[in-house]
Amino acid sequence: ATALTDVELDGDLAVGGDAGEVGENGRGNRGGDAEGGGFYNRSAEQVTLVNVEIEENRALGGDGAVGSISGAGAGGGIFSGFGSNLVLTDAEIDDNRAFGGAGGRVGGAGAGGGIFNAFSSERVLTDAEVEGSRAVGGAGGVGGVGGVGWGGGIVNVFGSTLAFTDGELEENRAVGGAGGGADAETLGGPGGDALGGG
């Protein structure tokens, strides 16, 4: 087990790479994902954070090329996944952002502005606040669909468990990405969905 006490993780970035140039067939590759702007955890052993401040971090998905999809930004403050076990006590997780990349036929998802907990992981939050965070889907390319904004404060999915005791979940936002614009041959695309502001 690992324990960290009196920790500040502020103003950090995880940035997915943009897709390269479009090939002769007029299509390209996807943008890279960005996970855990402030803290990334996929340890099967228990990781405990006590008296921790995780603020103003960013997970920025990479932009996709024509005909592909853009990268996701997951866990602006914290990404915890793949069977991991994370315990936070006396934590401030504020003003973090998860942005999906732009472009392509589908804008990238912005998921878990404060916390992204997924893939059979366990999370325990005690005396914690998750406030003022954002999950923002990326804009679609020409005619493309805007990316989903998913869980402004917390996302907890795919067989994971979350215990949240004596906490505050306030002023978080999920925002779907804008649909792609039109050109001479293509209609503008639909906007992205927004799921779960808190």
C-alpha atoms as a PDB file:
ATOM      1  CA  ALA A   1       0.000   0.000   0.000  1.00  0.00           C
ATOM      2  CA  THR A   2       1.024   3.608  -0.630  1.00  0.00           C
ATOM      3  CA  ALA A   3       0.089   6.652   1.463  1.00  0.00           C
ATOM      4  CA  LEU A   4       0.673  10.312   0.636  1.00  0.00           C
ATOM      5  CA  THR A   5      -0.076  13.078   3.151  1.00  0.00           C
ATOM      6  CA  ASP A   6      -0.183  16.878   2.828  1.00  0.00           C
ATOM      7  CA  VAL A   7       0.040  16.932  -0.963  1.00  0.00           C
ATOM      8  CA  GLU A   8      -0.706  19.732  -3.426  1.00  0.00           C
ATOM      9  CA  LEU A   9      -1.217  18.848  -7.082  1.00  0.00           C
ATOM     10  CA  ASP A  10      -2.048  22.132  -8.771  1.00  0.00           C
ATOM     11  CA  GLY A  11      -1.895  23.419 -12.329  1.00  0.00           C
ATOM     12  CA  ASP A  12      -0.712  20.220 -14.005  1.00  0.00           C
ATOM     13  CA  LEU A  13      -1.499  18.964 -17.531  1.00  0.00           C
ATOM     14  CA  ALA A  14      -2.045  15.694 -19.363  1.00  0.00           C
ATOM     15  CA  VAL A  15      -2.147  16.355 -23.113  1.00  0.00           C
ATOM     16  CA  GLY A  16      -3.049  13.855 -25.832  1.00  0.00           C
ATOM     17  CA  GLY A  17      -1.224  14.229 -29.138  1.00  0.00           C
ATOM     18  CA  ASP A  18      -2.953  15.614 -32.223  1.00  0.00           C
ATOM     19  CA  ALA A  19      -3.423  13.363 -35.229  1.00  0.00           C
ATOM     20  CA  GLY A  20      -0.954  13.692 -38.085  1.00  0.00           C
ATOM     21  CA  GLU A  21      -1.597  14.955 -41.594  1.00  0.00           C
ATOM     22  CA  VAL A  22      -4.406  13.490 -43.648  1.00  0.00           C
ATOM     23  CA  GLY A  23      -3.356  10.859 -46.205  1.00  0.00           C
ATOM     24  CA  GLU A  24      -3.990  10.830 -49.940  1.00  0.00           C
ATOM     25  CA  ASN A  25      -7.274   9.010 -49.346  1.00  0.00           C
ATOM     26  CA  GLY A  26      -8.536  12.077 -47.508  1.00  0.00           C
ATOM     27  CA  ARG A  27      -8.673  10.362 -44.119  1.00  0.00           C
ATOM     28  CA  GLY A  28      -6.488  10.416 -41.035  1.00  0.00           C
ATOM     29  CA  ASN A  29      -5.961   8.986 -37.584  1.00  0.00           C
ATOM     30  CA  ARG A  30      -7.532   9.691 -34.217  1.00  0.00           C
ATOM     31  CA  GLY A  31      -6.300  12.102 -31.596  1.00  0.00           C
ATOM     32  CA  GLY A  32      -4.612  10.753 -28.477  1.00  0.00           C
ATOM     33  CA  ASP A  33      -6.366  10.440 -25.130  1.00  0.00           C
ATOM     34  CA  ALA A  34      -5.310  12.362 -22.021  1.00  0.00           C
ATOM     35  CA  GLU A  35      -5.921  10.809 -18.608  1.00  0.00           C
ATOM     36  CA  GLY A  36      -5.367  12.262 -15.148  1.00  0.00           C
ATOM     37  CA  GLY A  37      -4.366  15.908 -15.352  1.00  0.00           C
ATOM     38  CA  GLY A  38      -3.415  16.024 -11.686  1.00  0.00           C
ATOM     39  CA  PHE A  39      -3.109  12.380 -10.594  1.00  0.00           C
ATOM     40  CA  TYR A  40      -3.162   9.053 -12.478  1.00  0.00           C
ATOM     41  CA  ASN A  41      -3.710   5.771 -10.641  1.00  0.00           C
ATOM     42  CA  ARG A  42      -4.016   2.211 -11.917  1.00  0.00           C
ATOM     43  CA  SER A  43      -2.402   0.376  -9.012  1.00  0.00           C
ATOM     44  CA  ALA A  44      -4.181  -2.715  -7.678  1.00  0.00           C
ATOM     45  CA  GLU A  45      -2.716  -1.923  -4.238  1.00  0.00           C
ATOM     46  CA  GLN A  46      -4.503   0.640  -2.108  1.00  0.00           C
ATOM     47  CA  VAL A  47      -3.291   4.211  -2.593  1.00  0.00           C
ATOM     48  CA  THR A  48      -4.312   6.646   0.165  1.00  0.00           C
ATOM     49  CA  LEU A  49      -4.171  10.432  -0.112  1.00  0.00           C
ATOM     50  CA  VAL A  50      -4.731  12.443   3.079  1.00  0.00           C
ATOM     51  CA  ASN A  51      -5.051  16.230   3.318  1.00  0.00           C
ATOM     52  CA  VAL A  52      -4.664  16.683  -0.416  1.00  0.00           C
ATOM     53  CA  GLU A  53      -5.357  19.630  -2.697  1.00  0.00           C
ATOM     54  CA  ILE A  54      -5.935  18.863  -6.385  1.00  0.00           C
ATOM     55  CA  GLU A  55      -6.801  22.068  -8.184  1.00  0.00           C
ATOM     56  CA  GLU A  56      -6.708  23.687 -11.635  1.00  0.00           C
ATOM     57  CA  ASN A  57      -5.391  20.635 -13.466  1.00  0.00           C
ATOM     58  CA  ARG A  58      -6.294  19.730 -17.052  1.00  0.00           C
ATOM     59  CA  ALA A  59      -6.698  16.624 -19.203  1.00  0.00           C
ATOM     60  CA  LEU A  60      -6.742  17.712 -22.862  1.00  0.00           C
ATOM     61  CA  GLY A  61      -7.609  15.177 -25.558  1.00  0.00           C
ATOM     62  CA  GLY A  62      -5.783  15.467 -28.890  1.00  0.00           C
ATOM     63  CA  ASP A  63      -7.445  16.723 -32.052  1.00  0.00           C
ATOM     64  CA  GLY A  64      -8.540  14.136 -34.615  1.00  0.00           C
ATOM     65  CA  ALA A  65      -8.005  14.219 -38.363  1.00  0.00           C
ATOM     66  CA  VAL A  66     -10.675  14.202 -41.064  1.00  0.00           C
ATOM     67  CA  GLY A  67     -12.853  11.097 -40.930  1.00  0.00           C
ATOM     68  CA  SER A  68     -11.538   9.953 -37.554  1.00  0.00           C
ATOM     69  CA  ILE A  69     -12.384  10.728 -33.924  1.00  0.00           C
ATOM     70  CA  SER A  70     -10.723  13.063 -31.506  1.00  0.00           C
ATOM     71  CA  GLY A  71      -9.073  12.005 -28.269  1.00  0.00           C
ATOM     72  CA  ALA A  72     -10.848  11.980 -24.923  1.00  0.00           C
ATOM     73  CA  GLY A  73      -9.873  14.041 -21.909  1.00  0.00           C
ATOM     74  CA  ALA A  74     -10.640  11.918 -18.827  1.00  0.00           C
ATOM     75  CA  GLY A  75     -10.100  12.895 -15.202  1.00  0.00           C
ATOM     76  CA  GLY A  76      -9.076  16.537 -15.166  1.00  0.00           C
ATOM     77  CA  GLY A  77      -8.142  16.182 -11.509  1.00  0.00           C
ATOM     78  CA  ILE A  78      -7.850  12.416 -11.008  1.00  0.00           C
ATOM     79  CA  PHE A  79      -7.966   9.359 -13.260  1.00  0.00           C
ATOM     80  CA  SER A  80      -8.336   6.062 -11.405  1.00  0.00           C
ATOM     81  CA  GLY A  81      -8.944   2.930 -13.432  1.00  0.00           C
ATOM     82  CA  PHE A  82      -8.240  -0.666 -14.386  1.00  0.00           C
ATOM     83  CA  GLY A  83      -8.895  -2.332 -11.036  1.00  0.00           C
ATOM     84  CA  SER A  84      -7.235   0.376  -8.955  1.00  0.00           C
ATOM     85  CA  ASN A  85      -8.046   1.207  -5.334  1.00  0.00           C
ATOM     86  CA  LEU A  86      -7.871   4.848  -4.229  1.00  0.00           C
ATOM     87  CA  VAL A  87      -8.857   6.373  -0.873  1.00  0.00           C
ATOM     88  CA  LEU A  88      -9.023  10.148  -0.378  1.00  0.00           C
ATOM     89  CA  THR A  89      -9.569  11.800   3.002  1.00  0.00           C
ATOM     90  CA  ASP A  90      -9.786  15.533   3.648  1.00  0.00           C
ATOM     91  CA  ALA A  91      -9.458  16.390  -0.027  1.00  0.00           C
ATOM     92  CA  GLU A  92     -10.149  19.498  -2.087  1.00  0.00           C
ATOM     93  CA  ILE A  93     -10.676  18.674  -5.766  1.00  0.00           C
ATOM     94  CA  ASP A  94     -11.603  21.996  -7.308  1.00  0.00           C
ATOM     95  CA  ASP A  95     -11.581  23.824 -10.638  1.00  0.00           C
ATOM     96  CA  ASN A  96     -10.235  20.966 -12.739  1.00  0.00           C
ATOM     97  CA  ARG A  97     -11.074  20.443 -16.417  1.00  0.00           C
ATOM     98  CA  ALA A  98     -11.421  17.531 -18.853  1.00  0.00           C
ATOM     99  CA  PHE A  99     -11.602  18.618 -22.499  1.00  0.00           C
ATOM    100  CA  GLY A 100     -12.205  16.382 -25.496  1.00  0.00           C
ATOM    101  CA  GLY A 101     -10.171  17.073 -28.615  1.00  0.00           C
ATOM    102  CA  ALA A 102     -11.740  18.819 -31.606  1.00  0.00           C
ATOM    103  CA  GLY A 103     -12.166  17.868 -35.250  1.00  0.00           C
ATOM    104  CA  GLY A 104     -12.833  14.633 -37.085  1.00  0.00           C
ATOM    105  CA  ARG A 105     -16.210  13.001 -37.555  1.00  0.00           C
ATOM    106  CA  VAL A 106     -16.719  12.888 -33.766  1.00  0.00           C
ATOM    107  CA  GLY A 107     -15.341  15.351 -31.226  1.00  0.00           C
ATOM    108  CA  GLY A 108     -13.591  13.784 -28.242  1.00  0.00           C
ATOM    109  CA  ALA A 109     -15.382  13.151 -24.963  1.00  0.00           C
ATOM    110  CA  GLY A 110     -14.651  15.287 -21.932  1.00  0.00           C
ATOM    111  CA  ALA A 111     -15.256  12.943 -18.980  1.00  0.00           C
ATOM    112  CA  GLY A 112     -14.885  13.473 -15.243  1.00  0.00           C
ATOM    113  CA  GLY A 113     -13.820  17.073 -14.836  1.00  0.00           C
ATOM    114  CA  GLY A 114     -12.866  16.411 -11.225  1.00  0.00           C
ATOM    115  CA  ILE A 115     -12.623  12.608 -11.020  1.00  0.00           C
ATOM    116  CA  PHE A 116     -12.847   9.759 -13.538  1.00  0.00           C
ATOM    117  CA  ASN A 117     -13.243   6.356 -11.852  1.00  0.00           C
ATOM    118  CA  ALA A 118     -13.715   3.383 -14.154  1.00  0.00           C
ATOM    119  CA  PHE A 119     -12.960  -0.180 -15.193  1.00  0.00           C
ATOM    120  CA  SER A 120     -13.666  -2.146 -11.981  1.00  0.00           C
ATOM    121  CA  SER A 121     -11.951   0.372  -9.704  1.00  0.00           C
ATOM    122  CA  GLU A 122     -12.750   1.283  -6.097  1.00  0.00           C
ATOM    123  CA  ARG A 123     -12.877   4.825  -4.785  1.00  0.00           C
ATOM    124  CA  VAL A 124     -13.554   6.062  -1.242  1.00  0.00           C
ATOM    125  CA  LEU A 125     -14.000   9.787  -0.604  1.00  0.00           C
ATOM    126  CA  THR A 126     -14.349  11.057   2.972  1.00  0.00           C
ATOM    127  CA  ASP A 127     -14.609  14.692   3.996  1.00  0.00           C
ATOM    128  CA  ALA A 128     -13.983  15.754   0.414  1.00  0.00           C
ATOM    129  CA  GLU A 129     -15.191  18.527  -1.858  1.00  0.00           C
ATOM    130  CA  VAL A 130     -15.452  18.371  -5.642  1.00  0.00           C
ATOM    131  CA  GLU A 131     -16.315  21.840  -6.855  1.00  0.00           C
ATOM    132  CA  GLY A 132     -16.158  24.104  -9.875  1.00  0.00           C
ATOM    133  CA  SER A 133     -14.934  21.470 -12.335  1.00  0.00           C
ATOM    134  CA  ARG A 134     -15.897  20.997 -15.989  1.00  0.00           C
ATOM    135  CA  ALA A 135     -16.163  18.169 -18.509  1.00  0.00           C
ATOM    136  CA  VAL A 136     -16.400  19.587 -22.016  1.00  0.00           C
ATOM    137  CA  GLY A 137     -16.825  17.634 -25.243  1.00  0.00           C
ATOM    138  CA  GLY A 138     -14.750  18.650 -28.243  1.00  0.00           C
ATOM    139  CA  ALA A 139     -16.245  20.235 -31.352  1.00  0.00           C
ATOM    140  CA  GLY A 140     -16.787  18.016 -34.381  1.00  0.00           C
ATOM    141  CA  GLY A 141     -15.023  18.639 -37.672  1.00  0.00           C
ATOM    142  CA  VAL A 142     -16.920  19.642 -40.806  1.00  0.00           C
ATOM    143  CA  GLY A 143     -20.273  17.859 -40.587  1.00  0.00           C
ATOM    144  CA  GLY A 144     -19.058  15.997 -37.490  1.00  0.00           C
ATOM    145  CA  VAL A 145     -20.795  15.283 -34.196  1.00  0.00           C
ATOM    146  CA  GLY A 146     -19.844  17.224 -31.093  1.00  0.00           C
ATOM    147  CA  GLY A 147     -18.241  15.169 -28.324  1.00  0.00           C
ATOM    148  CA  VAL A 148     -20.095  14.248 -25.158  1.00  0.00           C
ATOM    149  CA  GLY A 149     -19.522  16.150 -21.922  1.00  0.00           C
ATOM    150  CA  TRP A 150     -19.780  13.517 -19.223  1.00  0.00           C
ATOM    151  CA  GLY A 151     -19.704  14.086 -15.454  1.00  0.00           C
ATOM    152  CA  GLY A 152     -18.608  17.627 -14.677  1.00  0.00           C
ATOM    153  CA  GLY A 153     -17.582  16.620 -11.165  1.00  0.00           C
ATOM    154  CA  ILE A 154     -17.355  12.816 -11.093  1.00  0.00           C
ATOM    155  CA  VAL A 155     -17.713   9.914 -13.519  1.00  0.00           C
ATOM    156  CA  ASN A 156     -18.061   6.442 -11.976  1.00  0.00           C
ATOM    157  CA  VAL A 157     -18.651   3.710 -14.586  1.00  0.00           C
ATOM    158  CA  PHE A 158     -17.817   0.287 -16.008  1.00  0.00           C
ATOM    159  CA  GLY A 159     -18.153  -1.875 -12.896  1.00  0.00           C
ATOM    160  CA  SER A 160     -16.521   0.577 -10.485  1.00  0.00           C
ATOM    161  CA  THR A 161     -17.627   1.432  -6.943  1.00  0.00           C
ATOM    162  CA  LEU A 162     -17.682   4.834  -5.259  1.00  0.00           C
ATOM    163  CA  ALA A 163     -18.299   5.681  -1.591  1.00  0.00           C
ATOM    164  CA  PHE A 164     -18.708   9.426  -0.939  1.00  0.00           C
ATOM    165  CA  THR A 165     -19.166  10.392   2.741  1.00  0.00           C
ATOM    166  CA  ASP A 166     -19.414  13.851   4.337  1.00  0.00           C
ATOM    167  CA  GLY A 167     -18.622  15.562   1.045  1.00  0.00           C
ATOM    168  CA  GLU A 168     -19.645  18.472  -1.145  1.00  0.00           C
ATOM    169  CA  LEU A 169     -20.363  18.285  -4.858  1.00  0.00           C
ATOM    170  CA  GLU A 170     -21.052  21.804  -6.114  1.00  0.00           C
ATOM    171  CA  GLU A 171     -20.961  24.036  -9.191  1.00  0.00           C
ATOM    172  CA  ASN A 172     -19.639  21.436 -11.592  1.00  0.00           C
ATOM    173  CA  ARG A 173     -20.668  21.381 -15.259  1.00  0.00           C
ATOM    174  CA  ALA A 174     -20.886  18.944 -18.161  1.00  0.00           C
ATOM    175  CA  VAL A 175     -21.010  20.601 -21.592  1.00  0.00           C
ATOM    176  CA  GLY A 176     -21.501  18.875 -24.938  1.00  0.00           C
ATOM    177  CA  GLY A 177     -19.260  19.875 -27.828  1.00  0.00           C
ATOM    178  CA  ALA A 178     -20.450  21.962 -30.745  1.00  0.00           C
ATOM    179  CA  GLY A 179     -21.454  20.217 -33.963  1.00  0.00           C
ATOM    180  CA  GLY A 180     -19.130  20.671 -36.888  1.00  0.00           C
ATOM    181  CA  GLY A 181     -19.797  23.387 -39.420  1.00  0.00           C
ATOM    182  CA  ALA A 182     -21.064  22.963 -42.943  1.00  0.00           C
ATOM    183  CA  ASP A 183     -19.276  23.260 -46.274  1.00  0.00           C
ATOM    184  CA  ALA A 184     -20.418  23.160 -49.902  1.00  0.00           C
ATOM    185  CA  GLU A 185     -21.093  19.411 -49.732  1.00  0.00           C
ATOM    186  CA  THR A 186     -21.823  18.691 -46.058  1.00  0.00           C
ATOM    187  CA  LEU A 187     -24.491  19.768 -43.605  1.00  0.00           C
ATOM    188  CA  GLY A 188     -23.431  20.956 -40.190  1.00  0.00           C
ATOM    189  CA  GLY A 189     -23.204  18.234 -37.565  1.00  0.00           C
ATOM    190  CA  PRO A 190     -25.265  17.741 -34.399  1.00  0.00           C
ATOM    191  CA  GLY A 191     -24.095  19.001 -31.028  1.00  0.00           C
ATOM    192  CA  GLY A 192     -22.815  16.650 -28.371  1.00  0.00           C
ATOM    193  CA  ASP A 193     -24.772  15.417 -25.362  1.00  0.00           C
ATOM    194  CA  ALA A 194     -24.162  16.519 -21.786  1.00  0.00           C
ATOM    195  CA  LEU A 195     -24.522  13.841 -19.102  1.00  0.00           C
ATOM    196  CA  GLY A 196     -24.391  14.446 -15.354  1.00  0.00           C
ATOM    197  CA  GLY A 197     -23.291  17.910 -14.308  1.00  0.00           C
ATOM    198  CA  GLY A 198     -22.279  16.775 -10.848  1.00  0.00           C
END
